[in-house]
Amino acid sequence: MHNVTLIKGDGIGPSIIDEAVKIIDASGVKIHWEEAYAGMAAFEKFGTPLPDETLASFDRTRLAFKGPLTTVVGTGFRSINVALRQKYELYANVRPAKSWPGIKTRYEDVDIVIVRENTEGLYCGLEHYLTPKKDIAESLAVVTRVASERIIDYAFKYARDNNRQKVTVCHKANILKYTQGLFLDIARETAARYPDIQFDEKIVDAACMHMVMNPQQFDVVVTTNMFGDILSDLTAGLVGGLGLIPGANIGADAALFEAVHGSAPDITGKNLANPIAVIMAGVMMLNHLGETQAAARIKNAVEKVVNEGKFVTQDLNPQSKCGTTEMGNAILDAMR
């Protein structure tokens, strides 16, 4: 029995999480779901976007499965996601973007995994005003050897463990010679310990250009926090959008799996939301737990339904009359 903290989230979160949970439960894996709250739903219920009860649950389980959250403005955390990543040192953000044969995009055969440092850089939140008038603001980007070695080594191990051929480090060391220079130096040092993995370096703006010109040249990409945030959305666009992209946040002794898209309040309660991102996040979670057969069973069923294009939501097929629930049921049928 696996214990998992379940955070349904805001907006479309509960509807897509419910589909993912019923599919994971149908796979035969035994999971005890501890429901907890965060985001707007938590603020309305507890008066805080991240209640102590939620943290207590995560402290026990060390594993969370989460829907999209709405960040409350002006009441504490800039981002609940950032707060969770920093508190539990979920240092590796992993977002795979792979082409789906049933989804027509400008590109084919894209298969890129972004590995993003998740705890420091510009997102560490060290910012302040320099004048009483608040007309000059300053943010500090923190890059440490410890965190850089940890994330870059993770990327190379991920490549080796998943039969990947190449790791590309994306940086801006030509301009930011200390922070980005340190990250690049450590990438070069780490690459020397993995002679079986190809190593490539790209300045981040050039990497963006190369990704839209020839995305097939990329395999595993490792980079700092903000660059990873941007590049992971770019790669999502190459394969059909954020509605298809799962995310994992991995630490030494805790992990959080999630849909990376927003809470989409405009379609909440309309049975229109695409549940694929969070279902595939569930697949990543099962693989993390060692439940590889169940993960493969769900993945194959999802691919069958999406590639057939019949029982999918309208964002994937505008002619479809299928909603969130119907798509989940179709995936269940494909599993059988």
C-alpha atoms as a PDB file:
ATOM      1  CA  MET A   1       0.000   0.000   0.000  1.00  0.00           C
ATOM      2  CA  HIS A   2       1.364   3.392  -1.024  1.00  0.00           C
ATOM      3  CA  ASN A   3       0.319   6.500   0.902  1.00  0.00           C
ATOM      4  CA  VAL A   4      -0.112   9.594  -1.283  1.00  0.00           C
ATOM      5  CA  THR A   5      -1.155  13.129  -0.384  1.00  0.00           C
ATOM      6  CA  LEU A   6      -3.855  14.100  -2.878  1.00  0.00           C
ATOM      7  CA  ILE A   7      -4.235  17.810  -3.627  1.00  0.00           C
ATOM      8  CA  LYS A   8      -7.068  18.238  -6.129  1.00  0.00           C
ATOM      9  CA  GLY A   9      -6.370  21.923  -6.630  1.00  0.00           C
ATOM     10  CA  ASP A  10      -8.498  24.720  -8.015  1.00  0.00           C
ATOM     11  CA  GLY A  11     -10.659  25.308 -11.069  1.00  0.00           C
ATOM     12  CA  ILE A  12     -10.573  22.226 -13.292  1.00  0.00           C
ATOM     13  CA  GLY A  13      -8.242  20.490 -10.826  1.00  0.00           C
ATOM     14  CA  PRO A  14     -10.829  18.333  -9.040  1.00  0.00           C
ATOM     15  CA  SER A  15     -12.416  17.113 -12.276  1.00  0.00           C
ATOM     16  CA  ILE A  16      -9.160  16.023 -13.922  1.00  0.00           C
ATOM     17  CA  ILE A  17      -7.705  14.600 -10.695  1.00  0.00           C
ATOM     18  CA  ASP A  18     -10.840  12.498 -10.213  1.00  0.00           C
ATOM     19  CA  GLU A  19     -10.330  10.928 -13.649  1.00  0.00           C
ATOM     20  CA  ALA A  20      -6.663  10.263 -12.936  1.00  0.00           C
ATOM     21  CA  VAL A  21      -7.409   8.686  -9.556  1.00  0.00           C
ATOM     22  CA  LYS A  22     -10.043   6.335 -10.943  1.00  0.00           C
ATOM     23  CA  ILE A  23      -7.642   5.231 -13.697  1.00  0.00           C
ATOM     24  CA  ILE A  24      -4.744   4.697 -11.272  1.00  0.00           C
ATOM     25  CA  ASP A  25      -7.030   2.749  -8.927  1.00  0.00           C
ATOM     26  CA  ALA A  26      -8.192   0.603 -11.852  1.00  0.00           C
ATOM     27  CA  SER A  27      -4.576  -0.320 -12.625  1.00  0.00           C
ATOM     28  CA  GLY A  28      -4.498  -2.528  -9.538  1.00  0.00           C
ATOM     29  CA  VAL A  29      -1.944  -0.506  -7.595  1.00  0.00           C
ATOM     30  CA  LYS A  30      -2.929  -0.154  -3.953  1.00  0.00           C
ATOM     31  CA  ILE A  31      -2.883   3.506  -2.949  1.00  0.00           C
ATOM     32  CA  HIS A  32      -4.257   5.175   0.137  1.00  0.00           C
ATOM     33  CA  TRP A  33      -5.125   8.726  -0.893  1.00  0.00           C
ATOM     34  CA  GLU A  34      -4.879  11.370   1.848  1.00  0.00           C
ATOM     35  CA  GLU A  35      -6.877  14.309   0.537  1.00  0.00           C
ATOM     36  CA  ALA A  36      -5.433  17.710   1.430  1.00  0.00           C
ATOM     37  CA  TYR A  37      -5.969  21.291   0.317  1.00  0.00           C
ATOM     38  CA  ALA A  38      -3.860  24.045  -1.208  1.00  0.00           C
ATOM     39  CA  GLY A  39      -4.471  27.145  -3.302  1.00  0.00           C
ATOM     40  CA  MET A  40      -7.768  28.992  -3.497  1.00  0.00           C
ATOM     41  CA  ALA A  41      -9.736  26.011  -2.200  1.00  0.00           C
ATOM     42  CA  ALA A  42      -7.528  25.945   0.887  1.00  0.00           C
ATOM     43  CA  PHE A  43      -7.748  29.704   1.355  1.00  0.00           C
ATOM     44  CA  GLU A  44     -11.549  29.547   1.342  1.00  0.00           C
ATOM     45  CA  LYS A  45     -11.616  26.622   3.779  1.00  0.00           C
ATOM     46  CA  PHE A  46      -8.698  27.421   6.117  1.00  0.00           C
ATOM     47  CA  GLY A  47      -7.865  31.086   5.495  1.00  0.00           C
ATOM     48  CA  THR A  48      -4.413  30.203   4.116  1.00  0.00           C
ATOM     49  CA  PRO A  49      -3.310  28.892   0.706  1.00  0.00           C
ATOM     50  CA  LEU A  50      -1.089  26.240   2.301  1.00  0.00           C
ATOM     51  CA  PRO A  51      -2.557  24.861   5.551  1.00  0.00           C
ATOM     52  CA  ASP A  52      -0.557  23.107   8.239  1.00  0.00           C
ATOM     53  CA  GLU A  53      -2.757  20.039   7.706  1.00  0.00           C
ATOM     54  CA  THR A  54      -1.534  19.756   4.114  1.00  0.00           C
ATOM     55  CA  LEU A  55       2.094  20.049   5.158  1.00  0.00           C
ATOM     56  CA  ALA A  56       1.528  17.462   7.886  1.00  0.00           C
ATOM     57  CA  SER A  57       0.144  15.024   5.330  1.00  0.00           C
ATOM     58  CA  PHE A  58       3.099  15.561   2.991  1.00  0.00           C
ATOM     59  CA  ASP A  59       5.454  15.158   5.950  1.00  0.00           C
ATOM     60  CA  ARG A  60       3.948  11.701   6.519  1.00  0.00           C
ATOM     61  CA  THR A  61       3.642  10.443   2.961  1.00  0.00           C
ATOM     62  CA  ARG A  62       6.634  12.186   1.315  1.00  0.00           C
ATOM     63  CA  LEU A  63       4.646  11.817  -1.909  1.00  0.00           C
ATOM     64  CA  ALA A  64       2.017  14.133  -3.404  1.00  0.00           C
ATOM     65  CA  PHE A  65      -0.225  14.063  -6.462  1.00  0.00           C
ATOM     66  CA  LYS A  66      -1.505  17.510  -7.339  1.00  0.00           C
ATOM     67  CA  GLY A  67      -3.860  19.331  -9.675  1.00  0.00           C
ATOM     68  CA  PRO A  68      -3.364  22.947 -10.813  1.00  0.00           C
ATOM     69  CA  LEU A  69      -3.472  25.665  -8.167  1.00  0.00           C
ATOM     70  CA  THR A  70      -4.525  29.300  -8.191  1.00  0.00           C
ATOM     71  CA  THR A  71      -1.986  31.415  -6.325  1.00  0.00           C
ATOM     72  CA  VAL A  72      -3.675  33.876  -3.981  1.00  0.00           C
ATOM     73  CA  VAL A  73      -2.435  37.437  -4.520  1.00  0.00           C
ATOM     74  CA  GLY A  74      -1.031  39.352  -1.555  1.00  0.00           C
ATOM     75  CA  THR A  75      -1.413  36.686   1.135  1.00  0.00           C
ATOM     76  CA  GLY A  76       1.968  35.124   1.745  1.00  0.00           C
ATOM     77  CA  PHE A  77       3.526  32.800  -0.813  1.00  0.00           C
ATOM     78  CA  ARG A  78       4.327  34.164  -4.229  1.00  0.00           C
ATOM     79  CA  SER A  79       3.687  30.646  -5.480  1.00  0.00           C
ATOM     80  CA  ILE A  80       2.476  27.615  -3.552  1.00  0.00           C
ATOM     81  CA  ASN A  81       4.346  25.402  -6.004  1.00  0.00           C
ATOM     82  CA  VAL A  82       7.599  27.236  -5.275  1.00  0.00           C
ATOM     83  CA  ALA A  83       6.927  27.005  -1.533  1.00  0.00           C
ATOM     84  CA  LEU A  84       6.451  23.228  -1.679  1.00  0.00           C
ATOM     85  CA  ARG A  85       9.526  22.736  -3.858  1.00  0.00           C
ATOM     86  CA  GLN A  86      11.711  24.750  -1.515  1.00  0.00           C
ATOM     87  CA  LYS A  87      10.365  23.342   1.763  1.00  0.00           C
ATOM     88  CA  TYR A  88      10.822  19.706   0.695  1.00  0.00           C
ATOM     89  CA  GLU A  89      13.929  20.345  -1.462  1.00  0.00           C
ATOM     90  CA  LEU A  90      12.256  18.968  -4.570  1.00  0.00           C
ATOM     91  CA  TYR A  91      15.288  20.005  -6.532  1.00  0.00           C
ATOM     92  CA  ALA A  92      14.628  18.299  -9.877  1.00  0.00           C
ATOM     93  CA  ASN A  93      11.729  19.412 -12.041  1.00  0.00           C
ATOM     94  CA  VAL A  94      11.295  16.882 -14.852  1.00  0.00           C
ATOM     95  CA  ARG A  95       9.016  17.574 -17.818  1.00  0.00           C
ATOM     96  CA  PRO A  96       8.957  15.199 -20.783  1.00  0.00           C
ATOM     97  CA  ALA A  97       7.566  16.436 -24.106  1.00  0.00           C
ATOM     98  CA  LYS A  98       6.972  13.735 -26.707  1.00  0.00           C
ATOM     99  CA  SER A  99       5.082  13.787 -30.009  1.00  0.00           C
ATOM    100  CA  TRP A 100       1.753  11.973 -30.229  1.00  0.00           C
ATOM    101  CA  PRO A 101       1.013  10.351 -33.617  1.00  0.00           C
ATOM    102  CA  GLY A 102      -2.667  11.258 -33.253  1.00  0.00           C
ATOM    103  CA  ILE A 103      -2.039  14.970 -32.655  1.00  0.00           C
ATOM    104  CA  LYS A 104      -1.076  17.055 -35.646  1.00  0.00           C
ATOM    105  CA  THR A 105       1.600  19.647 -34.923  1.00  0.00           C
ATOM    106  CA  ARG A 106       4.333  21.339 -36.936  1.00  0.00           C
ATOM    107  CA  TYR A 107       6.833  18.694 -35.836  1.00  0.00           C
ATOM    108  CA  GLU A 108       7.157  14.927 -35.690  1.00  0.00           C
ATOM    109  CA  ASP A 109       9.361  12.686 -33.575  1.00  0.00           C
ATOM    110  CA  VAL A 110       9.980  15.220 -30.822  1.00  0.00           C
ATOM    111  CA  ASP A 111      11.145  13.544 -27.612  1.00  0.00           C
ATOM    112  CA  ILE A 112      12.709  16.043 -25.206  1.00  0.00           C
ATOM    113  CA  VAL A 113      13.014  15.912 -21.419  1.00  0.00           C
ATOM    114  CA  ILE A 114      13.650  19.192 -19.603  1.00  0.00           C
ATOM    115  CA  VAL A 115      15.462  18.760 -16.277  1.00  0.00           C
ATOM    116  CA  ARG A 116      15.238  22.045 -14.403  1.00  0.00           C
ATOM    117  CA  GLU A 117      16.915  23.092 -11.176  1.00  0.00           C
ATOM    118  CA  ASN A 118      13.981  23.759  -8.892  1.00  0.00           C
ATOM    119  CA  THR A 119      15.151  25.488  -5.717  1.00  0.00           C
ATOM    120  CA  GLU A 120      17.307  28.527  -6.478  1.00  0.00           C
ATOM    121  CA  GLY A 121      18.238  30.879  -9.339  1.00  0.00           C
ATOM    122  CA  LEU A 122      16.019  33.932  -9.806  1.00  0.00           C
ATOM    123  CA  TYR A 123      13.064  32.068  -8.307  1.00  0.00           C
ATOM    124  CA  CYS A 124      14.600  31.877  -4.837  1.00  0.00           C
ATOM    125  CA  GLY A 125      12.678  35.098  -4.107  1.00  0.00           C
ATOM    126  CA  LEU A 126      15.498  37.354  -2.951  1.00  0.00           C
ATOM    127  CA  GLU A 127      14.134  40.652  -4.234  1.00  0.00           C
ATOM    128  CA  HIS A 128      13.613  44.083  -2.780  1.00  0.00           C
ATOM    129  CA  TYR A 129      13.155  47.762  -3.598  1.00  0.00           C
ATOM    130  CA  LEU A 130      16.208  49.994  -3.593  1.00  0.00           C
ATOM    131  CA  THR A 131      14.388  53.292  -3.007  1.00  0.00           C
ATOM    132  CA  PRO A 132      11.614  54.453  -0.662  1.00  0.00           C
ATOM    133  CA  LYS A 133       9.568  55.372  -3.728  1.00  0.00           C
ATOM    134  CA  LYS A 134       9.757  51.743  -4.871  1.00  0.00           C
ATOM    135  CA  ASP A 135      10.754  52.826  -8.353  1.00  0.00           C
ATOM    136  CA  ILE A 136      13.847  50.609  -8.520  1.00  0.00           C
ATOM    137  CA  ALA A 137      13.637  46.894  -7.754  1.00  0.00           C
ATOM    138  CA  GLU A 138      16.371  44.301  -7.564  1.00  0.00           C
ATOM    139  CA  SER A 139      16.266  40.494  -7.737  1.00  0.00           C
ATOM    140  CA  LEU A 140      19.208  38.254  -6.853  1.00  0.00           C
ATOM    141  CA  ALA A 141      19.893  35.008  -8.717  1.00  0.00           C
ATOM    142  CA  VAL A 142      21.569  32.444  -6.496  1.00  0.00           C
ATOM    143  CA  VAL A 143      23.541  29.579  -8.051  1.00  0.00           C
ATOM    144  CA  THR A 144      25.397  27.231  -5.716  1.00  0.00           C
ATOM    145  CA  ARG A 145      27.846  24.442  -6.441  1.00  0.00           C
ATOM    146  CA  VAL A 146      25.881  21.988  -4.290  1.00  0.00           C
ATOM    147  CA  ALA A 147      22.562  22.530  -6.081  1.00  0.00           C
ATOM    148  CA  SER A 148      24.183  22.660  -9.518  1.00  0.00           C
ATOM    149  CA  GLU A 149      26.101  19.411  -8.999  1.00  0.00           C
ATOM    150  CA  ARG A 150      22.925  17.768  -7.704  1.00  0.00           C
ATOM    151  CA  ILE A 151      20.710  18.698 -10.673  1.00  0.00           C
ATOM    152  CA  ILE A 152      23.304  18.118 -13.389  1.00  0.00           C
ATOM    153  CA  ASP A 153      24.212  14.713 -11.988  1.00  0.00           C
ATOM    154  CA  TYR A 154      20.482  13.912 -11.856  1.00  0.00           C
ATOM    155  CA  ALA A 155      20.175  14.759 -15.569  1.00  0.00           C
ATOM    156  CA  PHE A 156      23.051  12.481 -16.557  1.00  0.00           C
ATOM    157  CA  LYS A 157      21.757   9.634 -14.377  1.00  0.00           C
ATOM    158  CA  TYR A 158      18.290  10.126 -15.878  1.00  0.00           C
ATOM    159  CA  ALA A 159      19.775   9.878 -19.363  1.00  0.00           C
ATOM    160  CA  ARG A 160      21.663   6.708 -18.513  1.00  0.00           C
ATOM    161  CA  ASP A 161      18.737   5.053 -16.701  1.00  0.00           C
ATOM    162  CA  ASN A 162      16.296   5.842 -19.508  1.00  0.00           C
ATOM    163  CA  ASN A 163      18.510   4.888 -22.448  1.00  0.00           C
ATOM    164  CA  ARG A 164      18.943   8.491 -23.557  1.00  0.00           C
ATOM    165  CA  GLN A 165      21.877   9.439 -25.733  1.00  0.00           C
ATOM    166  CA  LYS A 166      22.650  13.076 -25.022  1.00  0.00           C
ATOM    167  CA  VAL A 167      22.507  15.788 -22.359  1.00  0.00           C
ATOM    168  CA  THR A 168      22.486  19.448 -23.386  1.00  0.00           C
ATOM    169  CA  VAL A 169      23.212  22.157 -20.827  1.00  0.00           C
ATOM    170  CA  CYS A 170      21.469  25.470 -21.553  1.00  0.00           C
ATOM    171  CA  HIS A 171      23.066  28.538 -20.004  1.00  0.00           C
ATOM    172  CA  LYS A 172      23.830  32.255 -20.353  1.00  0.00           C
ATOM    173  CA  ALA A 173      27.449  32.101 -19.240  1.00  0.00           C
ATOM    174  CA  ASN A 174      28.537  34.426 -22.035  1.00  0.00           C
ATOM    175  CA  ILE A 175      26.885  37.311 -20.110  1.00  0.00           C
ATOM    176  CA  LEU A 176      26.352  36.075 -16.533  1.00  0.00           C
ATOM    177  CA  LYS A 177      29.873  34.826 -16.043  1.00  0.00           C
ATOM    178  CA  TYR A 178      29.676  34.044 -12.320  1.00  0.00           C
ATOM    179  CA  THR A 179      26.253  32.447 -11.783  1.00  0.00           C
ATOM    180  CA  GLN A 180      25.764  30.868 -15.187  1.00  0.00           C
ATOM    181  CA  GLY A 181      29.507  30.372 -15.537  1.00  0.00           C
ATOM    182  CA  LEU A 182      29.528  28.263 -12.370  1.00  0.00           C
ATOM    183  CA  PHE A 183      26.618  26.170 -13.661  1.00  0.00           C
ATOM    184  CA  LEU A 184      28.375  25.591 -16.997  1.00  0.00           C
ATOM    185  CA  ASP A 185      31.696  24.699 -15.351  1.00  0.00           C
ATOM    186  CA  ILE A 186      29.966  22.093 -13.196  1.00  0.00           C
ATOM    187  CA  ALA A 187      28.164  20.679 -16.246  1.00  0.00           C
ATOM    188  CA  ARG A 188      31.511  20.187 -17.967  1.00  0.00           C
ATOM    189  CA  GLU A 189      32.976  18.532 -14.869  1.00  0.00           C
ATOM    190  CA  THR A 190      29.986  16.213 -14.555  1.00  0.00           C
ATOM    191  CA  ALA A 191      29.972  15.290 -18.250  1.00  0.00           C
ATOM    192  CA  ALA A 192      33.516  13.975 -17.897  1.00  0.00           C
ATOM    193  CA  ARG A 193      32.201  11.331 -15.469  1.00  0.00           C
ATOM    194  CA  TYR A 194      29.660  10.075 -18.003  1.00  0.00           C
ATOM    195  CA  PRO A 195      31.691   9.250 -21.134  1.00  0.00           C
ATOM    196  CA  ASP A 196      28.849   7.058 -22.448  1.00  0.00           C
ATOM    197  CA  ILE A 197      26.512  10.090 -22.702  1.00  0.00           C
ATOM    198  CA  GLN A 198      26.995  12.735 -25.395  1.00  0.00           C
ATOM    199  CA  PHE A 199      27.361  16.247 -24.004  1.00  0.00           C
ATOM    200  CA  ASP A 200      26.388  19.501 -25.674  1.00  0.00           C
ATOM    201  CA  GLU A 201      26.352  23.164 -24.607  1.00  0.00           C
ATOM    202  CA  LYS A 202      23.949  25.814 -25.880  1.00  0.00           C
ATOM    203  CA  ILE A 203      23.408  29.434 -24.908  1.00  0.00           C
ATOM    204  CA  VAL A 204      19.757  29.575 -23.902  1.00  0.00           C
ATOM    205  CA  ASP A 205      18.534  32.064 -26.525  1.00  0.00           C
ATOM    206  CA  ALA A 206      20.248  30.059 -29.272  1.00  0.00           C
ATOM    207  CA  ALA A 207      18.721  26.902 -27.794  1.00  0.00           C
ATOM    208  CA  CYS A 208      15.246  28.406 -28.214  1.00  0.00           C
ATOM    209  CA  MET A 209      15.965  29.084 -31.877  1.00  0.00           C
ATOM    210  CA  HIS A 210      17.352  25.579 -32.438  1.00  0.00           C
ATOM    211  CA  MET A 211      14.344  24.010 -30.715  1.00  0.00           C
ATOM    212  CA  VAL A 212      11.917  25.559 -33.172  1.00  0.00           C
ATOM    213  CA  MET A 213      14.166  24.895 -36.176  1.00  0.00           C
ATOM    214  CA  ASN A 214      15.207  21.323 -35.403  1.00  0.00           C
ATOM    215  CA  PRO A 215      13.837  19.987 -32.105  1.00  0.00           C
ATOM    216  CA  GLN A 216      14.963  16.438 -32.919  1.00  0.00           C
ATOM    217  CA  GLN A 217      18.550  17.396 -32.048  1.00  0.00           C
ATOM    218  CA  PHE A 218      17.600  17.639 -28.338  1.00  0.00           C
ATOM    219  CA  ASP A 219      17.275  14.723 -25.945  1.00  0.00           C
ATOM    220  CA  VAL A 220      17.744  15.583 -22.227  1.00  0.00           C
ATOM    221  CA  VAL A 221      18.160  19.280 -21.446  1.00  0.00           C
ATOM    222  CA  VAL A 222      19.434  20.491 -18.063  1.00  0.00           C
ATOM    223  CA  THR A 223      19.310  24.122 -17.017  1.00  0.00           C
ATOM    224  CA  THR A 224      18.716  26.607 -14.226  1.00  0.00           C
ATOM    225  CA  ASN A 225      15.338  27.462 -12.721  1.00  0.00           C
ATOM    226  CA  MET A 226      13.927  30.283 -14.837  1.00  0.00           C
ATOM    227  CA  PHE A 227      15.419  29.037 -18.109  1.00  0.00           C
ATOM    228  CA  GLY A 228      13.914  25.621 -17.405  1.00  0.00           C
ATOM    229  CA  ASP A 229      10.522  27.172 -16.749  1.00  0.00           C
ATOM    230  CA  ILE A 230      10.618  28.871 -20.150  1.00  0.00           C
ATOM    231  CA  LEU A 231      12.083  25.981 -22.138  1.00  0.00           C
ATOM    232  CA  SER A 232       9.611  23.449 -20.718  1.00  0.00           C
ATOM    233  CA  ASP A 233       6.685  25.528 -21.976  1.00  0.00           C
ATOM    234  CA  LEU A 234       8.404  25.903 -25.341  1.00  0.00           C
ATOM    235  CA  THR A 235       8.800  22.139 -25.691  1.00  0.00           C
ATOM    236  CA  ALA A 236       5.161  21.671 -24.671  1.00  0.00           C
ATOM    237  CA  GLY A 237       4.206  23.864 -27.618  1.00  0.00           C
ATOM    238  CA  LEU A 238       6.161  21.629 -29.976  1.00  0.00           C
ATOM    239  CA  VAL A 239       4.000  18.589 -29.173  1.00  0.00           C
ATOM    240  CA  GLY A 240       0.517  20.028 -28.703  1.00  0.00           C
ATOM    241  CA  GLY A 241       0.416  22.169 -25.582  1.00  0.00           C
ATOM    242  CA  LEU A 242       0.489  22.054 -21.801  1.00  0.00           C
ATOM    243  CA  GLY A 243      -2.646  19.908 -21.680  1.00  0.00           C
ATOM    244  CA  LEU A 244      -0.433  16.955 -22.606  1.00  0.00           C
ATOM    245  CA  ILE A 245       2.572  17.625 -20.386  1.00  0.00           C
ATOM    246  CA  PRO A 246       3.121  15.979 -16.979  1.00  0.00           C
ATOM    247  CA  GLY A 247       5.574  17.227 -14.398  1.00  0.00           C
ATOM    248  CA  ALA A 248       7.577  15.628 -11.621  1.00  0.00           C
ATOM    249  CA  ASN A 249       9.323  17.383  -8.738  1.00  0.00           C
ATOM    250  CA  ILE A 250      11.891  15.040  -7.234  1.00  0.00           C
ATOM    251  CA  GLY A 251      13.866  15.374  -4.018  1.00  0.00           C
ATOM    252  CA  ALA A 252      16.146  13.090  -2.038  1.00  0.00           C
ATOM    253  CA  ASP A 253      13.281  11.724   0.080  1.00  0.00           C
ATOM    254  CA  ALA A 254      10.081  13.288  -1.290  1.00  0.00           C
ATOM    255  CA  ALA A 255       8.375  13.794  -4.633  1.00  0.00           C
ATOM    256  CA  LEU A 256       5.408  15.664  -6.076  1.00  0.00           C
ATOM    257  CA  PHE A 257       3.695  14.867  -9.381  1.00  0.00           C
ATOM    258  CA  GLU A 258       1.395  17.313 -11.123  1.00  0.00           C
ATOM    259  CA  ALA A 259      -0.239  18.736 -14.199  1.00  0.00           C
ATOM    260  CA  VAL A 260       1.795  21.791 -15.189  1.00  0.00           C
ATOM    261  CA  HIS A 261      -1.027  23.784 -16.796  1.00  0.00           C
ATOM    262  CA  GLY A 262      -3.227  26.350 -15.069  1.00  0.00           C
ATOM    263  CA  SER A 263      -6.521  25.984 -13.240  1.00  0.00           C
ATOM    264  CA  ALA A 264      -8.569  27.275 -16.220  1.00  0.00           C
ATOM    265  CA  PRO A 265     -11.450  28.860 -14.266  1.00  0.00           C
ATOM    266  CA  ASP A 266     -13.233  29.730 -17.529  1.00  0.00           C
ATOM    267  CA  ILE A 267     -14.059  26.056 -18.193  1.00  0.00           C
ATOM    268  CA  THR A 268     -14.503  24.893 -14.603  1.00  0.00           C
ATOM    269  CA  GLY A 269     -17.540  22.668 -14.166  1.00  0.00           C
ATOM    270  CA  LYS A 270     -18.181  22.370 -17.912  1.00  0.00           C
ATOM    271  CA  ASN A 271     -16.745  18.852 -18.442  1.00  0.00           C
ATOM    272  CA  LEU A 272     -14.346  20.257 -21.053  1.00  0.00           C
ATOM    273  CA  ALA A 273     -10.916  19.915 -19.412  1.00  0.00           C
ATOM    274  CA  ASN A 274      -8.330  17.609 -20.930  1.00  0.00           C
ATOM    275  CA  PRO A 275      -7.141  15.190 -18.179  1.00  0.00           C
ATOM    276  CA  ILE A 276      -4.115  13.810 -20.068  1.00  0.00           C
ATOM    277  CA  ALA A 277      -1.421  15.906 -18.347  1.00  0.00           C
ATOM    278  CA  VAL A 278      -2.377  14.815 -14.847  1.00  0.00           C
ATOM    279  CA  ILE A 279      -2.978  11.192 -15.907  1.00  0.00           C
ATOM    280  CA  MET A 280       0.515  11.076 -17.399  1.00  0.00           C
ATOM    281  CA  ALA A 281       1.832  12.660 -14.193  1.00  0.00           C
ATOM    282  CA  GLY A 282       0.250   9.660 -12.489  1.00  0.00           C
ATOM    283  CA  VAL A 283       2.199   7.396 -14.845  1.00  0.00           C
ATOM    284  CA  MET A 284       5.405   9.156 -13.784  1.00  0.00           C
ATOM    285  CA  MET A 285       4.412   8.687 -10.145  1.00  0.00           C
ATOM    286  CA  LEU A 286       3.815   4.953 -10.602  1.00  0.00           C
ATOM    287  CA  ASN A 287       7.193   4.540 -12.283  1.00  0.00           C
ATOM    288  CA  HIS A 288       8.752   6.428  -9.359  1.00  0.00           C
ATOM    289  CA  LEU A 289       7.088   3.940  -6.995  1.00  0.00           C
ATOM    290  CA  GLY A 290       8.409   0.978  -8.980  1.00  0.00           C
ATOM    291  CA  GLU A 291       4.919   0.076 -10.253  1.00  0.00           C
ATOM    292  CA  THR A 292       6.202  -0.108 -13.815  1.00  0.00           C
ATOM    293  CA  GLN A 293       3.671  -2.619 -15.173  1.00  0.00           C
ATOM    294  CA  ALA A 294       0.715  -0.523 -14.030  1.00  0.00           C
ATOM    295  CA  ALA A 295       2.389   2.610 -15.393  1.00  0.00           C
ATOM    296  CA  ALA A 296       2.900   0.972 -18.793  1.00  0.00           C
ATOM    297  CA  ARG A 297      -0.693  -0.252 -18.839  1.00  0.00           C
ATOM    298  CA  ILE A 298      -2.072   3.252 -18.285  1.00  0.00           C
ATOM    299  CA  LYS A 299       0.407   4.846 -20.709  1.00  0.00           C
ATOM    300  CA  ASN A 300      -0.535   2.413 -23.477  1.00  0.00           C
ATOM    301  CA  ALA A 301      -4.241   3.040 -22.904  1.00  0.00           C
ATOM    302  CA  VAL A 302      -3.784   6.825 -22.966  1.00  0.00           C
ATOM    303  CA  GLU A 303      -1.760   6.637 -26.182  1.00  0.00           C
ATOM    304  CA  LYS A 304      -4.394   4.434 -27.794  1.00  0.00           C
ATOM    305  CA  VAL A 305      -7.223   6.837 -26.964  1.00  0.00           C
ATOM    306  CA  VAL A 306      -5.315  10.003 -27.897  1.00  0.00           C
ATOM    307  CA  ASN A 307      -3.931   8.601 -31.139  1.00  0.00           C
ATOM    308  CA  GLU A 308      -7.342   7.326 -32.240  1.00  0.00           C
ATOM    309  CA  GLY A 309      -8.683  10.830 -31.619  1.00  0.00           C
ATOM    310  CA  LYS A 310     -12.306   9.775 -31.182  1.00  0.00           C
ATOM    311  CA  PHE A 311     -12.938   9.870 -27.421  1.00  0.00           C
ATOM    312  CA  VAL A 312     -10.895  12.970 -26.632  1.00  0.00           C
ATOM    313  CA  THR A 313     -11.735  16.472 -25.475  1.00  0.00           C
ATOM    314  CA  GLN A 314     -12.327  19.261 -27.955  1.00  0.00           C
ATOM    315  CA  ASP A 315      -8.893  20.825 -27.547  1.00  0.00           C
ATOM    316  CA  LEU A 316      -7.505  17.669 -29.168  1.00  0.00           C
ATOM    317  CA  ASN A 317     -10.329  17.161 -31.669  1.00  0.00           C
ATOM    318  CA  PRO A 318     -12.673  20.108 -32.298  1.00  0.00           C
ATOM    319  CA  GLN A 319     -15.254  17.735 -33.779  1.00  0.00           C
ATOM    320  CA  SER A 320     -15.429  15.643 -30.630  1.00  0.00           C
ATOM    321  CA  LYS A 321     -18.439  15.755 -28.336  1.00  0.00           C
ATOM    322  CA  CYS A 322     -16.478  13.949 -25.634  1.00  0.00           C
ATOM    323  CA  GLY A 323     -15.817  15.582 -22.274  1.00  0.00           C
ATOM    324  CA  THR A 324     -13.444  15.015 -19.359  1.00  0.00           C
ATOM    325  CA  THR A 325     -15.425  12.130 -17.879  1.00  0.00           C
ATOM    326  CA  GLU A 326     -16.025  10.413 -21.214  1.00  0.00           C
ATOM    327  CA  MET A 327     -12.336  10.584 -22.041  1.00  0.00           C
ATOM    328  CA  GLY A 328     -11.454   9.056 -18.685  1.00  0.00           C
ATOM    329  CA  ASN A 329     -13.953   6.261 -19.291  1.00  0.00           C
ATOM    330  CA  ALA A 330     -12.472   5.611 -22.737  1.00  0.00           C
ATOM    331  CA  ILE A 331      -9.027   5.211 -21.180  1.00  0.00           C
ATOM    332  CA  LEU A 332     -10.478   2.773 -18.650  1.00  0.00           C
ATOM    333  CA  ASP A 333     -12.008   0.767 -21.504  1.00  0.00           C
ATOM    334  CA  ALA A 334      -8.662   0.747 -23.325  1.00  0.00           C
ATOM    335  CA  MET A 335      -6.965  -0.582 -20.180  1.00  0.00           C
ATOM    336  CA  ARG A 336      -9.336  -3.516 -20.138  1.00  0.00           C
END
